[in-house]
Amino acid sequence: MKKNILLVIAGVILGAAGGYLYYHFIGCHSGTCAITSRPVNSTLYGALLGGLLFSLFSSNKKVKNNESKAG
């Protein structure tokens, strides 16, 4: 469980860094782009995507027992 949380936190941090770097090197300088025109928007969006991406790799050890009992 703790490993899963650390994995998601690492994804958020790496995603935030990637989002800021995207703003800095590629971003929209005209101000018309909703996400990449401001560093805060780009960083938060990158953090969200990084957290979601890394959460795909977390393992869920909880197994649900779906045995149906016929009467």
PDB file of N, CA and C in Angstrom:
ATOM      1  N   MET A   1       0.823  -1.189   0.000  1.00  0.00           N
ATOM      2  CA  MET A   1       0.000   0.000   0.000  1.00  0.00           C
ATOM      3  C   MET A   1       0.868   1.255   0.000  1.00  0.00           C
ATOM      4  N   LYS A   2       1.889   1.276   0.861  1.00  0.00           N
ATOM      5  CA  LYS A   2       2.765   2.433   0.933  1.00  0.00           C
ATOM      6  C   LYS A   2       3.562   2.599  -0.364  1.00  0.00           C
ATOM      7  N   LYS A   3       3.914   1.477  -0.974  1.00  0.00           N
ATOM      8  CA  LYS A   3       4.654   1.520  -2.234  1.00  0.00           C
ATOM      9  C   LYS A   3       3.803   2.152  -3.332  1.00  0.00           C
ATOM     10  N   ASN A   4       2.496   1.858  -3.341  1.00  0.00           N
ATOM     11  CA  ASN A   4       1.593   2.436  -4.331  1.00  0.00           C
ATOM     12  C   ASN A   4       1.494   3.949  -4.181  1.00  0.00           C
ATOM     13  N   ILE A   5       1.416   4.422  -2.941  1.00  0.00           N
ATOM     14  CA  ILE A   5       1.311   5.856  -2.688  1.00  0.00           C
ATOM     15  C   ILE A   5       2.588   6.565  -3.112  1.00  0.00           C
ATOM     16  N   LEU A   6       3.732   5.966  -2.798  1.00  0.00           N
ATOM     17  CA  LEU A   6       5.004   6.565  -3.198  1.00  0.00           C
ATOM     18  C   LEU A   6       5.148   6.599  -4.712  1.00  0.00           C
ATOM     19  N   LEU A   7       4.643   5.594  -5.381  1.00  0.00           N
ATOM     20  CA  LEU A   7       4.700   5.546  -6.835  1.00  0.00           C
ATOM     21  C   LEU A   7       3.857   6.666  -7.443  1.00  0.00           C
ATOM     22  N   VAL A   8       2.680   6.893  -6.909  1.00  0.00           N
ATOM     23  CA  VAL A   8       1.817   7.965  -7.410  1.00  0.00           C
ATOM     24  C   VAL A   8       2.429   9.336  -7.109  1.00  0.00           C
ATOM     25  N   ILE A   9       3.008   9.498  -5.930  1.00  0.00           N
ATOM     26  CA  ILE A   9       3.654  10.766  -5.582  1.00  0.00           C
ATOM     27  C   ILE A   9       4.830  11.042  -6.511  1.00  0.00           C
ATOM     28  N   ALA A  10       5.604  10.016  -6.833  1.00  0.00           N
ATOM     29  CA  ALA A  10       6.704  10.181  -7.783  1.00  0.00           C
ATOM     30  C   ALA A  10       6.170  10.594  -9.152  1.00  0.00           C
ATOM     31  N   GLY A  11       5.048  10.021  -9.556  1.00  0.00           N
ATOM     32  CA  GLY A  11       4.430  10.393 -10.819  1.00  0.00           C
ATOM     33  C   GLY A  11       3.967  11.837 -10.832  1.00  0.00           C
ATOM     34  N   VAL A  12       3.411  12.289  -9.717  1.00  0.00           N
ATOM     35  CA  VAL A  12       2.956  13.675  -9.618  1.00  0.00           C
ATOM     36  C   VAL A  12       4.146  14.624  -9.719  1.00  0.00           C
ATOM     37  N   ILE A  13       5.232  14.301  -9.029  1.00  0.00           N
ATOM     38  CA  ILE A  13       6.408  15.167  -9.047  1.00  0.00           C
ATOM     39  C   ILE A  13       7.039  15.202 -10.441  1.00  0.00           C
ATOM     40  N   LEU A  14       7.208  14.037 -11.050  1.00  0.00           N
ATOM     41  CA  LEU A  14       7.788  13.997 -12.391  1.00  0.00           C
ATOM     42  C   LEU A  14       6.870  14.655 -13.419  1.00  0.00           C
ATOM     43  N   GLY A  15       5.570  14.460 -13.267  1.00  0.00           N
ATOM     44  CA  GLY A  15       4.620  15.093 -14.174  1.00  0.00           C
ATOM     45  C   GLY A  15       4.625  16.605 -14.043  1.00  0.00           C
ATOM     46  N   ALA A  16       4.727  17.103 -12.816  1.00  0.00           N
ATOM     47  CA  ALA A  16       4.785  18.547 -12.603  1.00  0.00           C
ATOM     48  C   ALA A  16       6.045  19.138 -13.229  1.00  0.00           C
ATOM     49  N   ALA A  17       7.155  18.454 -13.046  1.00  0.00           N
ATOM     50  CA  ALA A  17       8.406  18.918 -13.656  1.00  0.00           C
ATOM     51  C   ALA A  17       8.304  18.895 -15.179  1.00  0.00           C
ATOM     52  N   GLY A  18       7.721  17.835 -15.713  1.00  0.00           N
ATOM     53  CA  GLY A  18       7.545  17.745 -17.156  1.00  0.00           C
ATOM     54  C   GLY A  18       6.603  18.810 -17.687  1.00  0.00           C
ATOM     55  N   GLY A  19       5.545  19.091 -16.949  1.00  0.00           N
ATOM     56  CA  GLY A  19       4.602  20.134 -17.358  1.00  0.00           C
ATOM     57  C   GLY A  19       5.246  21.505 -17.386  1.00  0.00           C
ATOM     58  N   TYR A  20       6.066  21.788 -16.384  1.00  0.00           N
ATOM     59  CA  TYR A  20       6.755  23.081 -16.381  1.00  0.00           C
ATOM     60  C   TYR A  20       7.779  23.170 -17.510  1.00  0.00           C
ATOM     61  N   LEU A  21       8.516  22.081 -17.718  1.00  0.00           N
ATOM     62  CA  LEU A  21       9.493  22.087 -18.808  1.00  0.00           C
ATOM     63  C   LEU A  21       8.806  22.239 -20.165  1.00  0.00           C
ATOM     64  N   TYR A  22       7.640  21.645 -20.312  1.00  0.00           N
ATOM     65  CA  TYR A  22       6.884  21.808 -21.546  1.00  0.00           C
ATOM     66  C   TYR A  22       6.495  23.276 -21.739  1.00  0.00           C
ATOM     67  N   TYR A  23       6.042  23.914 -20.674  1.00  0.00           N
ATOM     68  CA  TYR A  23       5.702  25.338 -20.746  1.00  0.00           C
ATOM     69  C   TYR A  23       6.928  26.161 -21.124  1.00  0.00           C
ATOM     70  N   HIS A  24       8.046  25.867 -20.479  1.00  0.00           N
ATOM     71  CA  HIS A  24       9.250  26.672 -20.661  1.00  0.00           C
ATOM     72  C   HIS A  24       9.824  26.558 -22.073  1.00  0.00           C
ATOM     73  N   PHE A  25       9.887  25.345 -22.604  1.00  0.00           N
ATOM     74  CA  PHE A  25      10.550  25.151 -23.885  1.00  0.00           C
ATOM     75  C   PHE A  25       9.598  25.165 -25.091  1.00  0.00           C
ATOM     76  N   ILE A  26       8.357  24.746 -24.935  1.00  0.00           N
ATOM     77  CA  ILE A  26       7.455  24.601 -26.066  1.00  0.00           C
ATOM     78  C   ILE A  26       6.246  25.509 -25.952  1.00  0.00           C
ATOM     79  N   GLY A  27       5.800  25.792 -24.758  1.00  0.00           N
ATOM     80  CA  GLY A  27       4.532  26.464 -24.460  1.00  0.00           C
ATOM     81  C   GLY A  27       4.051  27.510 -25.439  1.00  0.00           C
ATOM     82  N   CYS A  28       2.831  27.883 -25.287  1.00  0.00           N
ATOM     83  CA  CYS A  28       2.161  28.854 -26.152  1.00  0.00           C
ATOM     84  C   CYS A  28       2.449  30.258 -25.625  1.00  0.00           C
ATOM     85  N   HIS A  29       3.186  31.038 -26.376  1.00  0.00           N
ATOM     86  CA  HIS A  29       3.574  32.371 -25.917  1.00  0.00           C
ATOM     87  C   HIS A  29       2.588  33.459 -26.319  1.00  0.00           C
ATOM     88  N   SER A  30       1.609  33.126 -27.158  1.00  0.00           N
ATOM     89  CA  SER A  30       0.629  34.135 -27.563  1.00  0.00           C
ATOM     90  C   SER A  30      -0.449  34.345 -26.495  1.00  0.00           C
ATOM     91  N   GLY A  31      -0.593  33.392 -25.570  1.00  0.00           N
ATOM     92  CA  GLY A  31      -1.574  33.514 -24.501  1.00  0.00           C
ATOM     93  C   GLY A  31      -2.939  32.957 -24.848  1.00  0.00           C
ATOM     94  N   THR A  32      -3.082  32.350 -26.006  1.00  0.00           N
ATOM     95  CA  THR A  32      -4.384  31.834 -26.412  1.00  0.00           C
ATOM     96  C   THR A  32      -4.598  30.377 -26.026  1.00  0.00           C
ATOM     97  N   CYS A  33      -3.562  29.690 -25.633  1.00  0.00           N
ATOM     98  CA  CYS A  33      -3.684  28.279 -25.248  1.00  0.00           C
ATOM     99  C   CYS A  33      -4.078  28.209 -23.778  1.00  0.00           C
ATOM    100  N   ALA A  34      -5.092  27.423 -23.467  1.00  0.00           N
ATOM    101  CA  ALA A  34      -5.613  27.374 -22.101  1.00  0.00           C
ATOM    102  C   ALA A  34      -4.636  26.718 -21.129  1.00  0.00           C
ATOM    103  N   ILE A  35      -3.943  25.685 -21.554  1.00  0.00           N
ATOM    104  CA  ILE A  35      -3.087  24.939 -20.628  1.00  0.00           C
ATOM    105  C   ILE A  35      -1.650  25.451 -20.644  1.00  0.00           C
ATOM    106  N   THR A  36      -1.102  25.682 -21.802  1.00  0.00           N
ATOM    107  CA  THR A  36       0.334  25.964 -21.877  1.00  0.00           C
ATOM    108  C   THR A  36       0.679  27.446 -21.898  1.00  0.00           C
ATOM    109  N   SER A  37      -0.277  28.342 -21.730  1.00  0.00           N
ATOM    110  CA  SER A  37       0.040  29.766 -21.751  1.00  0.00           C
ATOM    111  C   SER A  37       0.552  30.270 -20.406  1.00  0.00           C
ATOM    112  N   ARG A  38       0.259  29.552 -19.313  1.00  0.00           N
ATOM    113  CA  ARG A  38       0.715  29.938 -17.980  1.00  0.00           C
ATOM    114  C   ARG A  38       1.439  28.770 -17.331  1.00  0.00           C
ATOM    115  N   PRO A  39       2.510  29.039 -16.586  1.00  0.00           N
ATOM    116  CA  PRO A  39       3.268  27.940 -15.987  1.00  0.00           C
ATOM    117  C   PRO A  39       2.487  27.166 -14.922  1.00  0.00           C
ATOM    118  N   VAL A  40       1.598  27.831 -14.200  1.00  0.00           N
ATOM    119  CA  VAL A  40       0.822  27.140 -13.167  1.00  0.00           C
ATOM    120  C   VAL A  40      -0.109  26.108 -13.801  1.00  0.00           C
ATOM    121  N   ASN A  41      -0.799  26.499 -14.861  1.00  0.00           N
ATOM    122  CA  ASN A  41      -1.710  25.576 -15.533  1.00  0.00           C
ATOM    123  C   ASN A  41      -0.967  24.370 -16.088  1.00  0.00           C
ATOM    124  N   SER A  42       0.140  24.637 -16.737  1.00  0.00           N
ATOM    125  CA  SER A  42       0.913  23.563 -17.352  1.00  0.00           C
ATOM    126  C   SER A  42       1.489  22.614 -16.297  1.00  0.00           C
ATOM    127  N   THR A  43       1.958  23.167 -15.185  1.00  0.00           N
ATOM    128  CA  THR A  43       2.524  22.349 -14.114  1.00  0.00           C
ATOM    129  C   THR A  43       1.458  21.484 -13.450  1.00  0.00           C
ATOM    130  N   LEU A  44       0.301  22.055 -13.170  1.00  0.00           N
ATOM    131  CA  LEU A  44      -0.779  21.287 -12.547  1.00  0.00           C
ATOM    132  C   LEU A  44      -1.304  20.200 -13.475  1.00  0.00           C
ATOM    133  N   TYR A  45      -1.428  20.517 -14.751  1.00  0.00           N
ATOM    134  CA  TYR A  45      -1.893  19.529 -15.720  1.00  0.00           C
ATOM    135  C   TYR A  45      -0.889  18.382 -15.842  1.00  0.00           C
ATOM    136  N   GLY A  46       0.390  18.718 -15.861  1.00  0.00           N
ATOM    137  CA  GLY A  46       1.425  17.684 -15.910  1.00  0.00           C
ATOM    138  C   GLY A  46       1.416  16.821 -14.658  1.00  0.00           C
ATOM    139  N   ALA A  47       1.192  17.426 -13.498  1.00  0.00           N
ATOM    140  CA  ALA A  47       1.131  16.669 -12.245  1.00  0.00           C
ATOM    141  C   ALA A  47      -0.046  15.703 -12.247  1.00  0.00           C
ATOM    142  N   LEU A  48      -1.186  16.161 -12.734  1.00  0.00           N
ATOM    143  CA  LEU A  48      -2.364  15.301 -12.811  1.00  0.00           C
ATOM    144  C   LEU A  48      -2.111  14.109 -13.736  1.00  0.00           C
ATOM    145  N   LEU A  49      -1.575  14.382 -14.914  1.00  0.00           N
ATOM    146  CA  LEU A  49      -1.315  13.299 -15.862  1.00  0.00           C
ATOM    147  C   LEU A  49      -0.231  12.350 -15.355  1.00  0.00           C
ATOM    148  N   GLY A  50       0.794  12.877 -14.703  1.00  0.00           N
ATOM    149  CA  GLY A  50       1.839  12.025 -14.146  1.00  0.00           C
ATOM    150  C   GLY A  50       1.310  11.119 -13.048  1.00  0.00           C
ATOM    151  N   GLY A  51       0.469  11.664 -12.171  1.00  0.00           N
ATOM    152  CA  GLY A  51      -0.133  10.846 -11.119  1.00  0.00           C
ATOM    153  C   GLY A  51      -1.027   9.759 -11.674  1.00  0.00           C
ATOM    154  N   LEU A  52      -1.825  10.107 -12.678  1.00  0.00           N
ATOM    155  CA  LEU A  52      -2.701   9.103 -13.294  1.00  0.00           C
ATOM    156  C   LEU A  52      -1.898   8.025 -14.027  1.00  0.00           C
ATOM    157  N   LEU A  53      -0.858   8.443 -14.725  1.00  0.00           N
ATOM    158  CA  LEU A  53      -0.043   7.486 -15.465  1.00  0.00           C
ATOM    159  C   LEU A  53       0.669   6.516 -14.525  1.00  0.00           C
ATOM    160  N   PHE A  54       1.264   7.029 -13.472  1.00  0.00           N
ATOM    161  CA  PHE A  54       1.992   6.162 -12.554  1.00  0.00           C
ATOM    162  C   PHE A  54       1.053   5.307 -11.719  1.00  0.00           C
ATOM    163  N   SER A  55      -0.186   5.741 -11.523  1.00  0.00           N
ATOM    164  CA  SER A  55      -1.132   4.922 -10.769  1.00  0.00           C
ATOM    165  C   SER A  55      -1.529   3.669 -11.551  1.00  0.00           C
ATOM    166  N   LEU A  56      -1.339   3.688 -12.856  1.00  0.00           N
ATOM    167  CA  LEU A  56      -1.608   2.486 -13.656  1.00  0.00           C
ATOM    168  C   LEU A  56      -0.663   1.345 -13.297  1.00  0.00           C
ATOM    169  N   PHE A  57       0.536   1.699 -12.816  1.00  0.00           N
ATOM    170  CA  PHE A  57       1.546   0.691 -12.506  1.00  0.00           C
ATOM    171  C   PHE A  57       1.501   0.218 -11.064  1.00  0.00           C
ATOM    172  N   SER A  58       0.587   0.743 -10.269  1.00  0.00           N
ATOM    173  CA  SER A  58       0.485   0.294  -8.885  1.00  0.00           C
ATOM    174  C   SER A  58      -0.219  -1.053  -8.847  1.00  0.00           C
ATOM    175  N   SER A  59       0.240  -1.891  -7.953  1.00  0.00           N
ATOM    176  CA  SER A  59      -0.339  -3.233  -7.864  1.00  0.00           C
ATOM    177  C   SER A  59      -1.408  -3.254  -6.781  1.00  0.00           C
ATOM    178  N   ASN A  60      -2.493  -3.898  -7.091  1.00  0.00           N
ATOM    179  CA  ASN A  60      -3.585  -4.034  -6.141  1.00  0.00           C
ATOM    180  C   ASN A  60      -3.642  -5.505  -5.736  1.00  0.00           C
ATOM    181  N   LYS A  61      -3.160  -5.808  -4.556  1.00  0.00           N
ATOM    182  CA  LYS A  61      -3.075  -7.197  -4.093  1.00  0.00           C
ATOM    183  C   LYS A  61      -4.404  -7.717  -3.570  1.00  0.00           C
ATOM    184  N   LYS A  62      -5.365  -6.844  -3.389  1.00  0.00           N
ATOM    185  CA  LYS A  62      -6.643  -7.244  -2.834  1.00  0.00           C
ATOM    186  C   LYS A  62      -7.419  -8.046  -3.884  1.00  0.00           C
ATOM    187  N   VAL A  63      -7.726  -9.277  -3.562  1.00  0.00           N
ATOM    188  CA  VAL A  63      -8.446 -10.148  -4.487  1.00  0.00           C
ATOM    189  C   VAL A  63      -9.850 -10.341  -3.953  1.00  0.00           C
ATOM    190  N   LYS A  64     -10.813 -10.124  -4.808  1.00  0.00           N
ATOM    191  CA  LYS A  64     -12.196 -10.251  -4.406  1.00  0.00           C
ATOM    192  C   LYS A  64     -12.653 -11.690  -4.680  1.00  0.00           C
ATOM    193  N   ASN A  65     -13.291 -12.290  -3.706  1.00  0.00           N
ATOM    194  CA  ASN A  65     -13.758 -13.653  -3.820  1.00  0.00           C
ATOM    195  C   ASN A  65     -15.192 -13.636  -4.359  1.00  0.00           C
ATOM    196  N   ASN A  66     -15.356 -14.070  -5.602  1.00  0.00           N
ATOM    197  CA  ASN A  66     -16.671 -14.022  -6.253  1.00  0.00           C
ATOM    198  C   ASN A  66     -17.237 -15.416  -6.447  1.00  0.00           C
ATOM    199  N   GLU A  67     -17.209 -16.208  -5.439  1.00  0.00           N
ATOM    200  CA  GLU A  67     -17.785 -17.543  -5.547  1.00  0.00           C
ATOM    201  C   GLU A  67     -19.279 -17.460  -5.326  1.00  0.00           C
ATOM    202  N   SER A  68     -20.019 -17.956  -6.278  1.00  0.00           N
ATOM    203  CA  SER A  68     -21.472 -17.971  -6.091  1.00  0.00           C
ATOM    204  C   SER A  68     -21.863 -19.301  -5.462  1.00  0.00           C
ATOM    205  N   LYS A  69     -22.713 -19.236  -4.483  1.00  0.00           N
ATOM    206  CA  LYS A  69     -23.141 -20.435  -3.771  1.00  0.00           C
ATOM    207  C   LYS A  69     -24.514 -20.845  -4.283  1.00  0.00           C
ATOM    208  N   ALA A  70     -24.542 -21.971  -4.929  1.00  0.00           N
ATOM    209  CA  ALA A  70     -25.830 -22.492  -5.419  1.00  0.00           C
ATOM    210  C   ALA A  70     -26.533 -23.229  -4.282  1.00  0.00           C
ATOM    211  N   GLY A  71     -27.777 -22.890  -4.068  1.00  0.00           N
ATOM    212  CA  GLY A  71     -28.531 -23.446  -2.959  1.00  0.00           C
ATOM    213  C   GLY A  71     -29.110 -24.730  -3.289  1.00  0.00           C
TER     214      GLY A  71
END
